[in-house]
N, C-alpha and C. Protein backbone atom coordinates (compact mmCIF):
# COMPACT_ATOMS: atom_id res chain seq x y z
N MET A 1 -22.89 15.06 9.42
CA MET A 1 -21.32 14.68 9.29
C MET A 1 -20.80 15.53 8.14
N SER A 2 -19.40 15.87 8.65
CA SER A 2 -18.95 16.63 7.30
C SER A 2 -17.82 15.85 6.57
N ARG A 3 -17.71 16.16 5.37
CA ARG A 3 -16.79 15.30 4.61
C ARG A 3 -15.25 15.47 4.84
N PRO A 4 -14.47 14.56 4.79
CA PRO A 4 -12.98 14.64 5.19
C PRO A 4 -12.55 15.64 3.89
N GLU A 5 -11.47 16.45 4.29
CA GLU A 5 -11.02 17.37 3.18
C GLU A 5 -10.00 16.34 2.67
N ALA A 6 -9.92 16.65 1.20
CA ALA A 6 -9.17 16.04 0.24
C ALA A 6 -7.55 16.64 0.63
N PRO A 7 -6.47 15.64 0.52
CA PRO A 7 -5.11 16.20 0.39
C PRO A 7 -4.85 17.41 -0.27
N THR A 8 -3.99 18.51 0.09
CA THR A 8 -4.01 19.57 -0.47
C THR A 8 -3.23 19.41 -2.10
N ALA A 9 -2.36 18.31 -2.19
CA ALA A 9 -2.00 18.08 -3.67
C ALA A 9 -2.85 17.65 -4.57
N LEU A 10 -3.88 16.79 -3.91
CA LEU A 10 -4.88 16.50 -4.93
C LEU A 10 -6.03 17.38 -5.07
N ARG A 11 -6.23 18.34 -4.19
CA ARG A 11 -7.08 19.41 -4.43
C ARG A 11 -6.56 20.33 -5.28
N ASP A 12 -5.35 20.46 -5.14
CA ASP A 12 -4.78 21.46 -6.31
C ASP A 12 -4.73 20.98 -7.58
N PHE A 13 -4.54 19.72 -7.76
CA PHE A 13 -4.43 19.14 -9.09
C PHE A 13 -5.89 19.32 -9.66
N LEU A 14 -6.96 18.71 -8.97
CA LEU A 14 -8.25 18.74 -9.26
C LEU A 14 -8.75 20.19 -9.86
N GLU A 15 -8.33 21.28 -9.33
CA GLU A 15 -8.89 22.52 -9.52
C GLU A 15 -8.02 23.12 -10.68
N ILE A 16 -6.93 22.52 -11.34
CA ILE A 16 -6.41 22.73 -12.64
C ILE A 16 -7.34 22.80 -13.73
N PRO A 17 -7.76 23.96 -14.59
CA PRO A 17 -8.60 23.77 -15.86
C PRO A 17 -8.27 22.56 -16.72
N TYR A 18 -9.17 21.94 -17.34
CA TYR A 18 -8.89 20.95 -18.37
C TYR A 18 -7.93 21.41 -19.38
N ASP A 19 -8.11 22.64 -19.88
CA ASP A 19 -7.29 22.98 -20.85
C ASP A 19 -5.86 23.27 -20.62
N ARG A 20 -5.60 23.46 -19.23
CA ARG A 20 -4.09 23.80 -18.94
C ARG A 20 -3.48 22.43 -18.39
N LEU A 21 -4.27 21.41 -18.27
CA LEU A 21 -3.79 20.01 -18.11
C LEU A 21 -3.46 19.24 -19.38
N GLU A 22 -4.19 19.66 -20.55
CA GLU A 22 -3.90 19.35 -21.65
C GLU A 22 -2.57 19.84 -22.23
N GLU A 23 -2.29 21.09 -22.05
CA GLU A 23 -1.03 21.99 -22.44
C GLU A 23 0.10 21.26 -21.50
N LEU A 24 -0.13 20.93 -20.15
CA LEU A 24 0.99 20.36 -19.47
C LEU A 24 1.16 18.94 -19.91
N ASN A 25 0.31 18.35 -20.23
CA ASN A 25 0.38 16.79 -20.67
C ASN A 25 1.27 16.99 -22.19
N LEU A 26 0.93 17.72 -22.86
CA LEU A 26 1.77 17.95 -24.37
C LEU A 26 2.97 18.08 -24.12
N GLU A 27 3.17 19.07 -23.21
CA GLU A 27 4.56 19.81 -22.71
C GLU A 27 5.44 18.34 -22.16
N VAL A 28 4.96 17.60 -21.34
CA VAL A 28 5.68 16.38 -20.89
C VAL A 28 5.70 15.52 -22.12
N LYS A 29 5.01 15.14 -23.11
CA LYS A 29 5.18 14.30 -24.08
C LYS A 29 6.29 14.55 -24.77
N ASN A 30 6.28 15.93 -25.29
CA ASN A 30 7.30 16.47 -26.08
C ASN A 30 8.67 16.40 -25.26
N ALA A 31 8.71 16.62 -24.36
CA ALA A 31 10.05 16.44 -23.41
C ALA A 31 10.48 15.00 -23.45
N ARG A 32 9.63 14.04 -23.31
CA ARG A 32 10.14 12.62 -23.24
C ARG A 32 10.48 12.17 -24.64
N TRP A 33 9.87 12.88 -25.63
CA TRP A 33 10.06 12.66 -27.20
C TRP A 33 11.17 12.97 -27.46
N LEU A 34 11.71 14.22 -27.11
CA LEU A 34 13.10 14.77 -27.29
C LEU A 34 14.26 13.89 -26.59
N ALA A 35 13.98 13.64 -25.08
CA ALA A 35 14.74 12.89 -24.67
C ALA A 35 15.24 11.47 -25.06
N ARG A 36 14.15 10.75 -25.71
CA ARG A 36 14.44 9.47 -26.55
C ARG A 36 15.18 9.71 -27.58
N ARG A 37 14.97 10.59 -28.32
CA ARG A 37 15.60 11.07 -29.67
C ARG A 37 16.93 11.45 -29.25
N ARG A 38 17.44 12.11 -28.19
CA ARG A 38 18.68 12.57 -28.08
C ARG A 38 19.31 11.35 -27.48
N THR A 39 18.86 10.30 -26.78
CA THR A 39 19.51 9.13 -26.27
C THR A 39 19.89 8.15 -27.51
N ARG A 40 18.74 8.17 -28.63
CA ARG A 40 19.10 7.28 -29.67
C ARG A 40 20.27 7.89 -30.61
N CYS A 41 20.25 9.13 -30.64
CA CYS A 41 21.31 9.70 -31.59
C CYS A 41 22.73 9.65 -30.85
N ALA A 42 22.75 9.59 -29.49
CA ALA A 42 23.96 9.69 -28.88
C ALA A 42 24.55 8.16 -28.91
N SER A 43 23.36 7.25 -28.97
CA SER A 43 24.00 5.75 -29.01
C SER A 43 24.29 5.19 -30.42
N SER A 44 23.85 6.07 -31.37
CA SER A 44 24.22 5.60 -32.80
C SER A 44 25.26 6.27 -33.25
N GLY A 45 25.77 7.38 -32.61
CA GLY A 45 26.91 8.14 -33.10
C GLY A 45 28.11 8.10 -32.68
């Protein structure tokens, strides 16, 4: 019996090399940090 194929999005995600995932994660963290910083500056000024 054959294994069911994973959905395309999941399969694509699982094929991303770990180093690239780490880079993407850092990019998102930095973007979130900048967004929070801008929000704080705008509300305090």
